[in-house]
Each structure stands twice: as structure tokens, then as C-alpha cells.
């Protein structure tokens, strides 16, 4: 389970200038702002389906899945 442990390691690092958690994707403009901010700096990761406290919730709706 390399992927699962990799994701857990990322979550343990928490949010920082290179990493952001999004619980839901219901506002494409907010997502775009996060991605543009990463693109304008040194890059980063956007983890979708993760609460700010690090709990994994997953992507719930088909619309969210397609927005990712």
C-alpha cells in the first residue's frame, strides 16, 4: 500500500505554503485560486476530500469527482 502511506504522510505534514486541503469542491473559482497561487510560486499540492484537521472524507458526489 505505497499510495496509502504516501497520502497519510502528506496529511501528517498538514497544510502549508506548498499544500492545501479541500473538504469539498463546490466552488471552481476557489480551486482555481489555489492552483494559480501554487503555479505562481514554487508549486504545491491540492488534496481533495481532506478536512482541515486531516480527516479523510473522500469525494462524495459525481460532480465533485468530475471537477477534480
C-alpha atoms as a PDB file:
ATOM      1  CA  UNK A   1       0.000   0.000   0.000  1.00  0.00           C
ATOM      2  CA  UNK A   2       2.563   2.558  -1.038  1.00  0.00           C
ATOM      3  CA  UNK A   3      -0.066   5.044  -2.184  1.00  0.00           C
ATOM      4  CA  UNK A   4      -1.996   4.936   1.085  1.00  0.00           C
ATOM      5  CA  UNK A   5       1.103   5.508   3.191  1.00  0.00           C
ATOM      6  CA  UNK A   6       2.213   8.332   0.871  1.00  0.00           C
ATOM      7  CA  UNK A   7      -1.149  10.069   1.284  1.00  0.00           C
ATOM      8  CA  UNK A   8      -1.019   9.585   5.064  1.00  0.00           C
ATOM      9  CA  UNK A   9       2.472  11.126   5.129  1.00  0.00           C
ATOM     10  CA  UNK A  10       1.224  14.142   3.168  1.00  0.00           C
ATOM     11  CA  UNK A  11      -1.708  14.588   5.547  1.00  0.00           C
ATOM     12  CA  UNK A  12       0.601  14.390   8.581  1.00  0.00           C
ATOM     13  CA  UNK A  13       2.582  17.306   7.126  1.00  0.00           C
ATOM     14  CA  UNK A  14      -0.575  19.423   7.335  1.00  0.00           C
ATOM     15  CA  UNK A  15      -1.410  22.480   5.318  1.00  0.00           C
ATOM     16  CA  UNK A  16       1.400  24.841   4.455  1.00  0.00           C
ATOM     17  CA  UNK A  17       2.531  27.090   1.607  1.00  0.00           C
ATOM     18  CA  UNK A  18       3.035  24.021  -0.586  1.00  0.00           C
ATOM     19  CA  UNK A  19      -0.007  22.006   0.424  1.00  0.00           C
ATOM     20  CA  UNK A  20      -3.711  22.740   0.840  1.00  0.00           C
ATOM     21  CA  UNK A  21      -6.618  20.525   1.897  1.00  0.00           C
ATOM     22  CA  UNK A  22     -10.085  20.908   0.405  1.00  0.00           C
ATOM     23  CA  UNK A  23     -13.022  19.154   2.053  1.00  0.00           C
ATOM     24  CA  UNK A  24     -15.382  19.655  -0.884  1.00  0.00           C
ATOM     25  CA  UNK A  25     -15.133  21.076  -4.355  1.00  0.00           C
ATOM     26  CA  UNK A  26     -18.188  23.225  -4.785  1.00  0.00           C
ATOM     27  CA  UNK A  27     -16.585  26.454  -5.948  1.00  0.00           C
ATOM     28  CA  UNK A  28     -14.391  26.169  -9.014  1.00  0.00           C
ATOM     29  CA  UNK A  29     -13.131  29.743  -8.518  1.00  0.00           C
ATOM     30  CA  UNK A  30     -11.672  28.868  -5.086  1.00  0.00           C
ATOM     31  CA  UNK A  31      -9.965  25.818  -6.544  1.00  0.00           C
ATOM     32  CA  UNK A  32      -8.613  27.877  -9.429  1.00  0.00           C
ATOM     33  CA  UNK A  33      -7.235  30.469  -6.987  1.00  0.00           C
ATOM     34  CA  UNK A  34      -5.417  27.780  -5.020  1.00  0.00           C
ATOM     35  CA  UNK A  35      -3.940  26.253  -8.158  1.00  0.00           C
ATOM     36  CA  UNK A  36      -2.899  29.635  -9.569  1.00  0.00           C
ATOM     37  CA  UNK A  37      -1.235  30.503  -6.257  1.00  0.00           C
ATOM     38  CA  UNK A  38       0.764  27.268  -6.437  1.00  0.00           C
ATOM     39  CA  UNK A  39       1.636  27.922 -10.077  1.00  0.00           C
ATOM     40  CA  UNK A  40       2.859  31.438  -9.280  1.00  0.00           C
ATOM     41  CA  UNK A  41       5.171  30.217  -6.522  1.00  0.00           C
ATOM     42  CA  UNK A  42       7.208  27.054  -6.142  1.00  0.00           C
ATOM     43  CA  UNK A  43       4.315  24.690  -6.879  1.00  0.00           C
ATOM     44  CA  UNK A  44       2.255  22.685  -4.446  1.00  0.00           C
ATOM     45  CA  UNK A  45      -0.326  20.014  -3.805  1.00  0.00           C
ATOM     46  CA  UNK A  46      -4.082  20.271  -3.505  1.00  0.00           C
ATOM     47  CA  UNK A  47      -5.510  17.322  -1.580  1.00  0.00           C
ATOM     48  CA  UNK A  48      -9.242  16.985  -2.210  1.00  0.00           C
ATOM     49  CA  UNK A  49     -11.547  15.174   0.187  1.00  0.00           C
ATOM     50  CA  UNK A  50      -9.467  16.063   3.254  1.00  0.00           C
ATOM     51  CA  UNK A  51     -10.783  18.215   6.108  1.00  0.00           C
ATOM     52  CA  UNK A  52      -8.570  20.915   7.618  1.00  0.00           C
ATOM     53  CA  UNK A  53      -7.945  18.642  10.621  1.00  0.00           C
ATOM     54  CA  UNK A  54      -6.584  15.906   8.325  1.00  0.00           C
ATOM     55  CA  UNK A  55      -9.607  13.602   8.373  1.00  0.00           C
ATOM     56  CA  UNK A  56     -10.135  11.856   5.047  1.00  0.00           C
ATOM     57  CA  UNK A  57     -13.685  12.259   3.767  1.00  0.00           C
ATOM     58  CA  UNK A  58     -13.253  11.421   0.120  1.00  0.00           C
ATOM     59  CA  UNK A  59     -15.112  12.909  -2.812  1.00  0.00           C
ATOM     60  CA  UNK A  60     -18.822  12.477  -2.285  1.00  0.00           C
ATOM     61  CA  UNK A  61     -20.678  13.462  -5.427  1.00  0.00           C
ATOM     62  CA  UNK A  62     -20.184  12.659  -9.067  1.00  0.00           C
ATOM     63  CA  UNK A  63     -19.964  16.394  -9.794  1.00  0.00           C
ATOM     64  CA  UNK A  64     -17.046  16.764  -7.350  1.00  0.00           C
ATOM     65  CA  UNK A  65     -15.355  13.735  -8.891  1.00  0.00           C
ATOM     66  CA  UNK A  66     -15.535  15.270 -12.364  1.00  0.00           C
ATOM     67  CA  UNK A  67     -14.326  18.684 -11.148  1.00  0.00           C
ATOM     68  CA  UNK A  68     -11.157  17.038  -9.849  1.00  0.00           C
END
